[in-house]
N, C-alpha and C. Protein backbone atom coordinates (compact mmCIF):
# COMPACT_ATOMS: atom_id res chain seq x y z
N MET A 1 -31.25 14.03 31.02
CA MET A 1 -31.86 12.62 31.17
C MET A 1 -31.24 11.84 32.10
N LYS A 2 -32.02 10.79 32.67
CA LYS A 2 -31.63 9.91 33.56
C LYS A 2 -31.40 8.55 32.82
N TYR A 3 -30.74 7.67 33.43
CA TYR A 3 -30.63 6.31 32.73
C TYR A 3 -30.59 5.22 33.92
N ILE A 4 -30.93 3.97 33.66
CA ILE A 4 -30.71 2.85 34.42
C ILE A 4 -30.31 1.80 33.37
N LEU A 5 -29.15 1.22 33.85
CA LEU A 5 -28.56 0.06 32.91
C LEU A 5 -28.75 -1.16 33.49
N CYS A 6 -29.57 -2.10 32.89
CA CYS A 6 -29.95 -3.27 33.45
C CYS A 6 -29.26 -4.49 32.67
N GLU A 7 -29.23 -5.73 33.21
CA GLU A 7 -28.88 -6.90 32.55
C GLU A 7 -30.06 -7.63 32.21
N ASP A 8 -30.30 -7.91 30.82
CA ASP A 8 -31.37 -8.78 30.37
C ASP A 8 -31.16 -10.26 30.70
N PHE A 9 -32.19 -11.02 30.29
CA PHE A 9 -32.12 -12.33 30.55
C PHE A 9 -31.08 -13.11 29.93
N SER A 10 -30.57 -12.71 28.79
CA SER A 10 -29.30 -13.20 28.20
C SER A 10 -28.00 -12.76 28.53
N GLY A 11 -28.01 -11.77 29.59
CA GLY A 11 -26.66 -11.16 30.11
C GLY A 11 -26.36 -9.88 29.42
N GLN A 12 -27.07 -9.43 28.46
CA GLN A 12 -26.76 -8.28 27.81
C GLN A 12 -27.14 -6.94 28.56
N ALA A 13 -26.32 -5.87 28.49
CA ALA A 13 -26.59 -4.58 29.13
C ALA A 13 -27.75 -3.96 28.23
N ILE A 14 -28.80 -3.53 28.86
CA ILE A 14 -29.96 -2.94 28.18
C ILE A 14 -30.14 -1.39 28.94
N PRO A 15 -29.97 -0.42 28.20
CA PRO A 15 -30.23 0.81 28.83
C PRO A 15 -31.66 1.34 28.75
N PHE A 16 -32.02 1.99 29.76
CA PHE A 16 -33.37 2.63 29.78
C PHE A 16 -33.09 4.10 30.20
N LEU A 17 -33.52 5.00 29.29
CA LEU A 17 -33.43 6.48 29.40
C LEU A 17 -34.79 7.12 29.70
N PHE A 18 -34.81 8.05 30.43
CA PHE A 18 -36.07 8.64 31.02
C PHE A 18 -35.88 10.06 31.48
N PRO A 19 -36.91 10.83 31.51
CA PRO A 19 -36.92 12.30 31.89
C PRO A 19 -36.27 12.38 33.38
N ASP A 20 -35.69 13.60 33.58
CA ASP A 20 -35.14 13.92 34.94
C ASP A 20 -36.22 13.91 35.98
N LYS A 21 -37.35 14.30 35.70
CA LYS A 21 -38.45 14.33 36.76
C LYS A 21 -39.00 13.12 37.15
N VAL A 22 -38.66 11.90 36.59
CA VAL A 22 -38.84 10.57 37.06
C VAL A 22 -37.72 10.18 37.94
N ALA A 23 -38.12 9.65 39.20
CA ALA A 23 -37.12 9.14 40.05
C ALA A 23 -36.45 7.83 39.69
N HIS A 24 -35.24 7.60 39.89
CA HIS A 24 -34.66 6.47 39.59
C HIS A 24 -35.31 5.28 40.17
N ALA A 25 -35.62 5.29 41.45
CA ALA A 25 -36.37 4.28 42.18
C ALA A 25 -37.76 3.94 41.52
N ASP A 26 -38.40 5.02 41.22
CA ASP A 26 -39.78 4.71 40.57
C ASP A 26 -39.60 3.99 39.08
N MET A 27 -38.62 4.28 38.52
CA MET A 27 -38.41 3.60 37.18
C MET A 27 -37.94 2.25 37.36
N ARG A 28 -37.03 2.10 38.35
CA ARG A 28 -36.52 0.69 38.68
C ARG A 28 -37.68 -0.18 38.93
N GLU A 29 -38.73 0.20 39.57
CA GLU A 29 -39.79 -0.65 40.02
C GLU A 29 -40.57 -1.10 38.75
N GLN A 30 -40.50 -0.49 37.66
CA GLN A 30 -41.19 -0.66 36.54
C GLN A 30 -40.52 -1.77 35.52
N LEU A 31 -39.21 -1.81 35.80
CA LEU A 31 -38.34 -2.66 34.91
C LEU A 31 -38.39 -4.09 35.19
N PRO A 32 -38.59 -4.86 34.10
CA PRO A 32 -38.83 -6.39 34.31
C PRO A 32 -37.44 -7.16 34.70
N TYR A 33 -36.42 -6.55 34.75
CA TYR A 33 -35.04 -7.16 34.77
C TYR A 33 -34.62 -7.23 36.28
N ALA A 34 -34.19 -8.32 36.73
CA ALA A 34 -33.79 -8.69 38.08
C ALA A 34 -32.49 -7.84 38.55
N LYS A 35 -31.52 -7.60 37.57
CA LYS A 35 -30.28 -7.11 38.04
C LYS A 35 -30.13 -5.76 37.37
N ALA A 36 -29.98 -4.72 38.12
CA ALA A 36 -29.62 -3.37 37.53
C ALA A 36 -28.14 -3.19 37.86
N LEU A 37 -27.50 -2.60 36.80
CA LEU A 37 -25.97 -2.62 36.89
C LEU A 37 -25.47 -1.21 37.13
N ALA A 38 -26.23 -0.15 36.78
CA ALA A 38 -25.80 1.23 37.01
C ALA A 38 -26.97 2.06 36.90
N ALA A 39 -26.85 3.41 37.41
CA ALA A 39 -27.79 4.35 37.25
C ALA A 39 -27.09 5.69 37.31
N GLY A 40 -27.83 6.70 36.69
CA GLY A 40 -27.20 8.16 36.71
C GLY A 40 -27.86 9.01 35.77
N TYR A 41 -27.10 9.96 35.38
CA TYR A 41 -27.45 10.96 34.36
C TYR A 41 -26.71 10.79 32.97
N ILE A 42 -27.39 11.03 31.87
CA ILE A 42 -26.63 11.04 30.58
C ILE A 42 -26.94 12.26 29.85
N THR A 43 -25.84 12.82 29.23
CA THR A 43 -25.98 13.90 28.43
C THR A 43 -25.16 13.68 27.19
N LEU A 44 -25.52 14.37 26.20
CA LEU A 44 -24.67 14.21 24.82
C LEU A 44 -23.88 15.47 24.65
N VAL A 45 -22.65 15.26 24.71
CA VAL A 45 -21.64 16.25 24.61
C VAL A 45 -20.79 16.15 23.36
N GLU A 46 -20.83 17.03 22.44
CA GLU A 46 -20.14 17.07 21.19
C GLU A 46 -20.26 15.65 20.55
N GLY A 47 -21.51 15.15 20.44
CA GLY A 47 -21.72 13.91 19.78
C GLY A 47 -21.40 12.67 20.60
N ARG A 48 -21.01 12.75 21.80
CA ARG A 48 -20.69 11.57 22.54
C ARG A 48 -21.63 11.56 23.82
N PHE A 49 -21.98 10.47 24.28
CA PHE A 49 -22.68 10.28 25.62
C PHE A 49 -21.74 10.45 26.72
N VAL A 50 -22.21 11.12 27.76
CA VAL A 50 -21.37 11.28 28.98
C VAL A 50 -22.40 10.84 30.10
N CYS A 51 -21.83 9.92 31.14
CA CYS A 51 -22.62 9.57 32.06
C CYS A 51 -21.98 9.99 33.31
N SER A 52 -22.81 10.32 34.23
CA SER A 52 -22.40 10.92 35.73
C SER A 52 -23.44 10.62 36.68
N GLY A 53 -22.97 10.95 37.98
CA GLY A 53 -24.01 10.79 39.09
C GLY A 53 -24.37 9.45 39.47
N GLY A 54 -25.63 9.33 40.05
CA GLY A 54 -26.06 8.04 40.45
C GLY A 54 -27.33 8.26 41.52
N ASP A 55 -27.71 7.16 41.97
CA ASP A 55 -28.84 7.22 43.02
C ASP A 55 -28.40 6.52 44.19
N ALA A 56 -28.30 7.22 45.30
CA ALA A 56 -27.91 6.67 46.56
C ALA A 56 -29.04 5.73 47.11
N GLU A 57 -30.26 6.03 46.92
CA GLU A 57 -31.40 5.19 47.36
C GLU A 57 -31.25 3.87 46.75
N LEU A 58 -30.91 3.59 45.48
CA LEU A 58 -30.78 2.44 44.88
C LEU A 58 -29.30 1.81 45.16
N GLY A 59 -28.36 2.66 45.46
CA GLY A 59 -26.98 2.27 45.57
C GLY A 59 -26.36 1.86 44.25
N LEU A 60 -26.88 2.64 43.16
CA LEU A 60 -26.28 2.43 41.76
C LEU A 60 -25.78 3.86 41.36
N TYR A 61 -24.63 3.72 40.68
CA TYR A 61 -23.96 4.93 40.14
C TYR A 61 -23.32 4.76 38.72
N ALA A 62 -23.10 5.85 38.05
CA ALA A 62 -22.63 5.76 36.83
C ALA A 62 -21.27 5.10 36.79
N ARG A 63 -20.87 4.49 35.74
CA ARG A 63 -19.57 3.87 35.65
C ARG A 63 -18.88 4.15 34.42
N PRO A 64 -17.57 4.21 34.17
CA PRO A 64 -16.88 4.62 33.04
C PRO A 64 -17.40 3.99 31.77
N GLU A 65 -17.74 2.71 31.91
CA GLU A 65 -18.12 1.85 30.59
C GLU A 65 -19.65 2.15 30.27
N ASP A 66 -20.51 2.82 31.06
CA ASP A 66 -21.86 3.01 30.78
C ASP A 66 -22.14 3.66 29.51
N ALA A 67 -21.33 4.77 29.14
CA ALA A 67 -21.52 5.48 27.97
C ALA A 67 -21.29 4.64 26.77
N GLU A 68 -20.29 3.84 26.95
CA GLU A 68 -20.07 2.82 25.64
C GLU A 68 -21.18 1.95 25.44
N TYR A 69 -21.64 1.28 26.48
CA TYR A 69 -22.78 0.33 26.41
C TYR A 69 -24.06 1.04 25.74
N ILE A 70 -24.40 2.23 26.17
CA ILE A 70 -25.44 2.96 25.53
C ILE A 70 -25.06 3.33 24.14
N SER A 71 -23.99 3.69 23.80
CA SER A 71 -23.66 4.11 22.45
C SER A 71 -23.64 2.81 21.64
N LEU A 72 -23.11 1.66 22.10
CA LEU A 72 -23.42 0.51 21.33
C LEU A 72 -24.77 -0.05 21.08
N PHE A 73 -25.66 0.22 22.04
CA PHE A 73 -26.97 -0.15 21.95
C PHE A 73 -27.64 0.62 20.98
N PHE A 74 -27.41 1.92 20.80
CA PHE A 74 -28.05 2.66 19.71
C PHE A 74 -27.44 2.30 18.31
N ALA A 75 -26.12 2.03 18.34
CA ALA A 75 -25.52 1.72 17.01
C ALA A 75 -26.09 0.35 16.48
N ARG A 76 -26.28 -0.62 17.36
CA ARG A 76 -27.05 -1.91 16.96
C ARG A 76 -28.35 -1.67 16.48
N ARG A 77 -29.14 -0.81 17.20
CA ARG A 77 -30.56 -0.61 16.76
C ARG A 77 -30.67 0.16 15.48
N SER A 78 -29.68 1.12 15.20
CA SER A 78 -29.81 1.81 13.93
C SER A 78 -29.22 0.96 12.79
N ASP A 79 -28.40 -0.01 13.01
CA ASP A 79 -27.89 -0.96 12.01
C ASP A 79 -29.07 -1.92 11.66
N SER A 80 -29.84 -2.36 12.62
CA SER A 80 -30.90 -3.37 12.25
C SER A 80 -32.09 -2.68 11.86
N ALA A 81 -32.20 -1.37 11.75
CA ALA A 81 -33.34 -0.61 11.33
C ALA A 81 -33.18 -0.39 9.73
N LEU A 82 -32.02 -0.55 9.37
CA LEU A 82 -31.78 -0.21 7.84
C LEU A 82 -32.25 -1.39 6.96
């Protein structure tokens, strides 16, 4: 899977995950947020997210903290669904 991490209007990091066959640049055009923070590939390894790579066209790359932001996003969503 690919991802783009954007900053929402309140300053929070919001991840967008999408299939590999969709280009990062094409997905970026569809997102309503002005600021993109990072982009790359995401995999699940032994129950943990791992982010890597990036997109040279956008000048965005995976950062060490991306996996934590994405994990926290899913943890918040599952807590609020209960």
